[in-house]
PDB file of N, CA and C in Angstrom:
ATOM      1  N   MET A   1       0.852  -1.179   0.000  1.00  0.00           N
ATOM      2  CA  MET A   1       0.000   0.000   0.000  1.00  0.00           C
ATOM      3  C   MET A   1       0.897   1.241   0.000  1.00  0.00           C
ATOM      4  N   GLU A   2       0.486   2.240  -0.729  1.00  0.00           N
ATOM      5  CA  GLU A   2       1.240   3.494  -0.781  1.00  0.00           C
ATOM      6  C   GLU A   2       0.618   4.523   0.157  1.00  0.00           C
ATOM      7  N   LYS A   3       1.476   5.271   0.818  1.00  0.00           N
ATOM      8  CA  LYS A   3       1.051   6.365   1.701  1.00  0.00           C
ATOM      9  C   LYS A   3       1.956   7.556   1.430  1.00  0.00           C
ATOM     10  N   SER A   4       1.398   8.753   1.561  1.00  0.00           N
ATOM     11  CA  SER A   4       2.233   9.942   1.386  1.00  0.00           C
ATOM     12  C   SER A   4       2.511  10.587   2.743  1.00  0.00           C
ATOM     13  N   VAL A   5       3.732  11.091   2.867  1.00  0.00           N
ATOM     14  CA  VAL A   5       4.098  11.894   4.026  1.00  0.00           C
ATOM     15  C   VAL A   5       3.867  13.332   3.597  1.00  0.00           C
ATOM     16  N   ASN A   6       2.998  14.039   4.320  1.00  0.00           N
ATOM     17  CA  ASN A   6       2.547  15.359   3.902  1.00  0.00           C
ATOM     18  C   ASN A   6       3.102  16.470   4.775  1.00  0.00           C
ATOM     19  N   ALA A   7       3.118  17.673   4.212  1.00  0.00           N
ATOM     20  CA  ALA A   7       3.520  18.854   4.974  1.00  0.00           C
ATOM     21  C   ALA A   7       2.558  19.061   6.142  1.00  0.00           C
ATOM     22  N   ILE A   8       3.114  19.354   7.303  1.00  0.00           N
ATOM     23  CA  ILE A   8       2.294  19.535   8.500  1.00  0.00           C
ATOM     24  C   ILE A   8       2.008  21.003   8.791  1.00  0.00           C
ATOM     25  N   ILE A   9       2.749  21.893   8.131  1.00  0.00           N
ATOM     26  CA  ILE A   9       2.539  23.338   8.252  1.00  0.00           C
ATOM     27  C   ILE A   9       2.843  23.969   6.897  1.00  0.00           C
ATOM     28  N   PRO A  10       2.339  25.178   6.645  1.00  0.00           N
ATOM     29  CA  PRO A  10       2.722  25.862   5.409  1.00  0.00           C
ATOM     30  C   PRO A  10       4.140  26.413   5.543  1.00  0.00           C
ATOM     31  N   GLY A  11       4.849  26.465   4.442  1.00  0.00           N
ATOM     32  CA  GLY A  11       6.209  27.010   4.462  1.00  0.00           C
ATOM     33  C   GLY A  11       6.962  26.586   3.223  1.00  0.00           C
ATOM     34  N   LEU A  12       8.290  26.617   3.321  1.00  0.00           N
ATOM     35  CA  LEU A  12       9.164  26.214   2.223  1.00  0.00           C
ATOM     36  C   LEU A  12       9.856  24.916   2.596  1.00  0.00           C
ATOM     37  N   CYS A  13      10.041  24.054   1.616  1.00  0.00           N
ATOM     38  CA  CYS A  13      10.795  22.830   1.850  1.00  0.00           C
ATOM     39  C   CYS A  13      12.264  23.218   2.022  1.00  0.00           C
ATOM     40  N   ALA A  14      12.788  23.014   3.223  1.00  0.00           N
ATOM     41  CA  ALA A  14      14.197  23.326   3.470  1.00  0.00           C
ATOM     42  C   ALA A  14      15.084  22.227   2.890  1.00  0.00           C
ATOM     43  N   ARG A  15      14.663  20.962   3.101  1.00  0.00           N
ATOM     44  CA  ARG A  15      15.405  19.838   2.539  1.00  0.00           C
ATOM     45  C   ARG A  15      14.595  18.557   2.723  1.00  0.00           C
ATOM     46  N   VAL A  16      14.875  17.599   1.861  1.00  0.00           N
ATOM     47  CA  VAL A  16      14.354  16.241   1.993  1.00  0.00           C
ATOM     48  C   VAL A  16      15.565  15.385   2.337  1.00  0.00           C
ATOM     49  N   VAL A  17      15.464  14.599   3.395  1.00  0.00           N
ATOM     50  CA  VAL A  17      16.637  13.878   3.892  1.00  0.00           C
ATOM     51  C   VAL A  17      16.625  12.389   3.529  1.00  0.00           C
ATOM     52  N   VAL A  18      15.685  11.979   2.676  1.00  0.00           N
ATOM     53  CA  VAL A  18      15.648  10.597   2.189  1.00  0.00           C
ATOM     54  C   VAL A  18      15.706  10.606   0.666  1.00  0.00           C
ATOM     55  N   ASN A  19      16.047   9.455   0.115  1.00  0.00           N
ATOM     56  CA  ASN A  19      16.122   9.281  -1.339  1.00  0.00           C
ATOM     57  C   ASN A  19      15.269   8.095  -1.749  1.00  0.00           C
ATOM     58  N   GLU A  20      14.926   8.017  -3.013  1.00  0.00           N
ATOM     59  CA  GLU A  20      14.168   6.874  -3.521  1.00  0.00           C
ATOM     60  C   GLU A  20      14.906   5.588  -3.178  1.00  0.00           C
ATOM     61  N   GLY A  21      14.149   4.606  -2.694  1.00  0.00           N
ATOM     62  CA  GLY A  21      14.733   3.320  -2.338  1.00  0.00           C
ATOM     63  C   GLY A  21      15.152   3.199  -0.882  1.00  0.00           C
ATOM     64  N   ASP A  22      15.221   4.319  -0.156  1.00  0.00           N
ATOM     65  CA  ASP A  22      15.599   4.275   1.261  1.00  0.00           C
ATOM     66  C   ASP A  22      14.519   3.601   2.086  1.00  0.00           C
ATOM     67  N   LYS A  23      14.927   2.828   3.089  1.00  0.00           N
ATOM     68  CA  LYS A  23      14.005   2.266   4.074  1.00  0.00           C
ATOM     69  C   LYS A  23      13.819   3.314   5.170  1.00  0.00           C
ATOM     70  N   VAL A  24      12.577   3.520   5.598  1.00  0.00           N
ATOM     71  CA  VAL A  24      12.301   4.449   6.692  1.00  0.00           C
ATOM     72  C   VAL A  24      11.487   3.741   7.764  1.00  0.00           C
ATOM     73  N   SER A  25      11.638   4.224   8.981  1.00  0.00           N
ATOM     74  CA  SER A  25      10.902   3.698  10.125  1.00  0.00           C
ATOM     75  C   SER A  25       9.904   4.738  10.600  1.00  0.00           C
ATOM     76  N   ALA A  26       8.844   4.271  11.250  1.00  0.00           N
ATOM     77  CA  ALA A  26       7.874   5.199  11.847  1.00  0.00           C
ATOM     78  C   ALA A  26       8.616   6.113  12.812  1.00  0.00           C
ATOM     79  N   GLY A  27       8.359   7.414  12.694  1.00  0.00           N
ATOM     80  CA  GLY A  27       9.009   8.403  13.543  1.00  0.00           C
ATOM     81  C   GLY A  27      10.302   8.973  12.984  1.00  0.00           C
ATOM     82  N   GLN A  28      10.772   8.419  11.876  1.00  0.00           N
ATOM     83  CA  GLN A  28      12.015   8.899  11.260  1.00  0.00           C
ATOM     84  C   GLN A  28      11.778  10.184  10.479  1.00  0.00           C
ATOM     85  N   GLU A  29      12.696  11.129  10.603  1.00  0.00           N
ATOM     86  CA  GLU A  29      12.613  12.373   9.836  1.00  0.00           C
ATOM     87  C   GLU A  29      12.832  12.070   8.357  1.00  0.00           C
ATOM     88  N   VAL A  30      11.939  12.616   7.511  1.00  0.00           N
ATOM     89  CA  VAL A  30      12.087  12.443   6.067  1.00  0.00           C
ATOM     90  C   VAL A  30      12.294  13.773   5.352  1.00  0.00           C
ATOM     91  N   ALA A  31      11.886  14.876   5.990  1.00  0.00           N
ATOM     92  CA  ALA A  31      12.025  16.196   5.374  1.00  0.00           C
ATOM     93  C   ALA A  31      11.991  17.266   6.458  1.00  0.00           C
ATOM     94  N   VAL A  32      12.346  18.491   6.044  1.00  0.00           N
ATOM     95  CA  VAL A  32      12.336  19.636   6.955  1.00  0.00           C
ATOM     96  C   VAL A  32      11.648  20.799   6.248  1.00  0.00           C
ATOM     97  N   ILE A  33      10.724  21.446   6.962  1.00  0.00           N
ATOM     98  CA  ILE A  33      10.025  22.624   6.436  1.00  0.00           C
ATOM     99  C   ILE A  33      10.537  23.856   7.163  1.00  0.00           C
ATOM    100  N   ASN A  34      10.778  24.924   6.403  1.00  0.00           N
ATOM    101  CA  ASN A  34      11.155  26.207   6.982  1.00  0.00           C
ATOM    102  C   ASN A  34       9.915  27.087   7.012  1.00  0.00           C
ATOM    103  N   CYS A  35       9.545  27.519   8.205  1.00  0.00           N
ATOM    104  CA  CYS A  35       8.380  28.381   8.388  1.00  0.00           C
ATOM    105  C   CYS A  35       8.774  29.522   9.310  1.00  0.00           C
ATOM    106  N   MET A  36       8.790  30.722   8.786  1.00  0.00           N
ATOM    107  CA  MET A  36       9.125  31.916   9.571  1.00  0.00           C
ATOM    108  C   MET A  36      10.471  31.754  10.285  1.00  0.00           C
ATOM    109  N   LYS A  37      11.495  31.310   9.512  1.00  0.00           N
ATOM    110  CA  LYS A  37      12.866  31.137   9.987  1.00  0.00           C
ATOM    111  C   LYS A  37      13.023  30.036  11.034  1.00  0.00           C
ATOM    112  N   THR A  38      12.006  29.184  11.157  1.00  0.00           N
ATOM    113  CA  THR A  38      12.074  28.048  12.070  1.00  0.00           C
ATOM    114  C   THR A  38      12.013  26.766  11.250  1.00  0.00           C
ATOM    115  N   GLU A  39      12.879  25.804  11.578  1.00  0.00           N
ATOM    116  CA  GLU A  39      12.864  24.532  10.873  1.00  0.00           C
ATOM    117  C   GLU A  39      12.018  23.525  11.648  1.00  0.00           C
ATOM    118  N   ILE A  40      11.075  22.901  10.940  1.00  0.00           N
ATOM    119  CA  ILE A  40      10.151  21.933  11.517  1.00  0.00           C
ATOM    120  C   ILE A  40      10.397  20.589  10.846  1.00  0.00           C
ATOM    121  N   SER A  41      10.636  19.566  11.655  1.00  0.00           N
ATOM    122  CA  SER A  41      10.881  18.220  11.150  1.00  0.00           C
ATOM    123  C   SER A  41       9.567  17.564  10.715  1.00  0.00           C
ATOM    124  N   VAL A  42       9.600  16.893   9.564  1.00  0.00           N
ATOM    125  CA  VAL A  42       8.462  16.118   9.081  1.00  0.00           C
ATOM    126  C   VAL A  42       8.871  14.648   9.174  1.00  0.00           C
ATOM    127  N   THR A  43       8.082  13.860   9.914  1.00  0.00           N
ATOM    128  CA  THR A  43       8.434  12.464  10.138  1.00  0.00           C
ATOM    129  C   THR A  43       7.424  11.528   9.487  1.00  0.00           C
ATOM    130  N   SER A  44       7.877  10.319   9.241  1.00  0.00           N
ATOM    131  CA  SER A  44       7.010   9.288   8.680  1.00  0.00           C
ATOM    132  C   SER A  44       6.153   8.690   9.787  1.00  0.00           C
ATOM    133  N   GLU A  45       4.918   8.376   9.453  1.00  0.00           N
ATOM    134  CA  GLU A  45       4.032   7.679  10.389  1.00  0.00           C
ATOM    135  C   GLU A  45       4.150   6.164  10.231  1.00  0.00           C
ATOM    136  N   TRP A  46       4.856   5.713   9.179  1.00  0.00           N
ATOM    137  CA  TRP A  46       4.873   4.298   8.832  1.00  0.00           C
ATOM    138  C   TRP A  46       6.288   3.797   8.592  1.00  0.00           C
ATOM    139  N   ASN A  47       6.440   2.471   8.699  1.00  0.00           N
ATOM    140  CA  ASN A  47       7.645   1.783   8.229  1.00  0.00           C
ATOM    141  C   ASN A  47       7.429   1.510   6.746  1.00  0.00           C
ATOM    142  N   GLY A  48       8.460   1.729   5.947  1.00  0.00           N
ATOM    143  CA  GLY A  48       8.303   1.463   4.525  1.00  0.00           C
ATOM    144  C   GLY A  48       9.533   1.833   3.725  1.00  0.00           C
ATOM    145  N   THR A  49       9.338   1.884   2.418  1.00  0.00           N
ATOM    146  CA  THR A  49      10.402   2.210   1.473  1.00  0.00           C
ATOM    147  C   THR A  49       9.979   3.435   0.674  1.00  0.00           C
ATOM    148  N   VAL A  50      10.907   4.369   0.481  1.00  0.00           N
ATOM    149  CA  VAL A  50      10.613   5.585  -0.284  1.00  0.00           C
ATOM    150  C   VAL A  50      10.430   5.219  -1.752  1.00  0.00           C
ATOM    151  N   LYS A  51       9.228   5.465  -2.262  1.00  0.00           N
ATOM    152  CA  LYS A  51       8.938   5.221  -3.681  1.00  0.00           C
ATOM    153  C   LYS A  51       9.347   6.417  -4.520  1.00  0.00           C
ATOM    154  N   SER A  52       8.993   7.626  -4.021  1.00  0.00           N
ATOM    155  CA  SER A  52       9.357   8.837  -4.761  1.00  0.00           C
ATOM    156  C   SER A  52       9.420  10.031  -3.815  1.00  0.00           C
ATOM    157  N   VAL A  53      10.266  10.969  -4.191  1.00  0.00           N
ATOM    158  CA  VAL A  53      10.391  12.236  -3.470  1.00  0.00           C
ATOM    159  C   VAL A  53       9.642  13.269  -4.298  1.00  0.00           C
ATOM    160  N   LEU A  54       8.610  13.865  -3.714  1.00  0.00           N
ATOM    161  CA  LEU A  54       7.724  14.769  -4.452  1.00  0.00           C
ATOM    162  C   LEU A  54       8.064  16.242  -4.271  1.00  0.00           C
ATOM    163  N   SER A  55       8.831  16.569  -3.235  1.00  0.00           N
ATOM    164  CA  SER A  55       9.200  17.961  -2.966  1.00  0.00           C
ATOM    165  C   SER A  55      10.700  18.128  -3.117  1.00  0.00           C
ATOM    166  N   LYS A  56      11.081  19.329  -3.482  1.00  0.00           N
ATOM    167  CA  LYS A  56      12.507  19.646  -3.536  1.00  0.00           C
ATOM    168  C   LYS A  56      12.740  20.962  -2.793  1.00  0.00           C
ATOM    169  N   GLU A  57      13.994  21.259  -2.553  1.00  0.00           N
ATOM    170  CA  GLU A  57      14.359  22.465  -1.811  1.00  0.00           C
ATOM    171  C   GLU A  57      13.716  23.704  -2.423  1.00  0.00           C
ATOM    172  N   TRP A  58      13.140  24.531  -1.570  1.00  0.00           N
ATOM    173  CA  TRP A  58      12.494  25.808  -1.883  1.00  0.00           C
ATOM    174  C   TRP A  58      11.090  25.681  -2.458  1.00  0.00           C
ATOM    175  N   ASP A  59      10.556  24.469  -2.566  1.00  0.00           N
ATOM    176  CA  ASP A  59       9.154  24.335  -2.973  1.00  0.00           C
ATOM    177  C   ASP A  59       8.256  24.961  -1.915  1.00  0.00           C
ATOM    178  N   GLU A  60       7.228  25.683  -2.358  1.00  0.00           N
ATOM    179  CA  GLU A  60       6.241  26.231  -1.424  1.00  0.00           C
ATOM    180  C   GLU A  60       5.248  25.130  -1.078  1.00  0.00           C
ATOM    181  N   LEU A  61       4.954  24.999   0.206  1.00  0.00           N
ATOM    182  CA  LEU A  61       4.090  23.930   0.685  1.00  0.00           C
ATOM    183  C   LEU A  61       2.905  24.488   1.451  1.00  0.00           C
ATOM    184  N   GLU A  62       1.783  23.834   1.292  1.00  0.00           N
ATOM    185  CA  GLU A  62       0.596  24.103   2.102  1.00  0.00           C
ATOM    186  C   GLU A  62       0.400  22.904   3.026  1.00  0.00           C
ATOM    187  N   VAL A  63      -0.416  23.055   4.047  1.00  0.00           N
ATOM    188  CA  VAL A  63      -0.729  21.923   4.910  1.00  0.00           C
ATOM    189  C   VAL A  63      -1.331  20.809   4.048  1.00  0.00           C
ATOM    190  N   GLY A  64      -0.782  19.614   4.164  1.00  0.00           N
ATOM    191  CA  GLY A  64      -1.292  18.478   3.414  1.00  0.00           C
ATOM    192  C   GLY A  64      -0.620  18.233   2.077  1.00  0.00           C
ATOM    193  N   THR A  65       0.291  19.108   1.663  1.00  0.00           N
ATOM    194  CA  THR A  65       1.008  18.886   0.404  1.00  0.00           C
ATOM    195  C   THR A  65       1.855  17.621   0.519  1.00  0.00           C
ATOM    196  N   PRO A  66       1.697  16.637  -0.370  1.00  0.00           N
ATOM    197  CA  PRO A  66       2.517  15.432  -0.318  1.00  0.00           C
ATOM    198  C   PRO A  66       3.994  15.776  -0.572  1.00  0.00           C
ATOM    199  N   MET A  67       4.871  15.246   0.285  1.00  0.00           N
ATOM    200  CA  MET A  67       6.304  15.506   0.156  1.00  0.00           C
ATOM    201  C   MET A  67       7.086  14.269  -0.256  1.00  0.00           C
ATOM    202  N   VAL A  68       6.696  13.122   0.302  1.00  0.00           N
ATOM    203  CA  VAL A  68       7.393  11.851   0.033  1.00  0.00           C
ATOM    204  C   VAL A  68       6.322  10.757  -0.080  1.00  0.00           C
ATOM    205  N   MET A  69       6.471   9.882  -1.075  1.00  0.00           N
ATOM    206  CA  MET A  69       5.561   8.748  -1.235  1.00  0.00           C
ATOM    207  C   MET A  69       6.288   7.488  -0.768  1.00  0.00           C
ATOM    208  N   LEU A  70       5.594   6.714   0.091  1.00  0.00           N
ATOM    209  CA  LEU A  70       6.162   5.478   0.638  1.00  0.00           C
ATOM    210  C   LEU A  70       5.368   4.272   0.177  1.00  0.00           C
ATOM    211  N   VAL A  71       6.043   3.142   0.045  1.00  0.00           N
ATOM    212  CA  VAL A  71       5.399   1.848  -0.043  1.00  0.00           C
ATOM    213  C   VAL A  71       5.491   1.292   1.372  1.00  0.00           C
ATOM    214  N   VAL A  72       4.348   1.156   2.030  1.00  0.00           N
ATOM    215  CA  VAL A  72       4.307   0.797   3.441  1.00  0.00           C
ATOM    216  C   VAL A  72       4.515  -0.705   3.605  1.00  0.00           C
ATOM    217  N   ASP A  73       5.330  -1.080   4.579  1.00  0.00           N
ATOM    218  CA  ASP A  73       5.602  -2.486   4.864  1.00  0.00           C
ATOM    219  C   ASP A  73       4.345  -3.188   5.348  1.00  0.00           C
ATOM    220  N   GLY A  74       4.219  -4.450   4.968  1.00  0.00           N
ATOM    221  CA  GLY A  74       3.138  -5.269   5.471  1.00  0.00           C
ATOM    222  C   GLY A  74       1.858  -5.239   4.658  1.00  0.00           C
ATOM    223  N   ASP A  75       1.800  -4.421   3.629  1.00  0.00           N
ATOM    224  CA  ASP A  75       0.576  -4.357   2.813  1.00  0.00           C
ATOM    225  C   ASP A  75       0.867  -4.744   1.386  1.00  0.00           C
TER     226      ASP A  75
END
């Protein structure tokens, strides 16, 4: 099953810290959003493998914007 890790606040994508094919664990940081000069960590809710990275540095994000697509383990 595929799940997306979404932006939790509006802002700019400061960086994505995973690459396609990487294994991630629930609670692991996958990206960072810059909002009003503050960096906010975006974490995965699931264990899985990164299928695709949808955001890149300096992309403008709204709440709910998909940033990383995962293939979730166990489904």
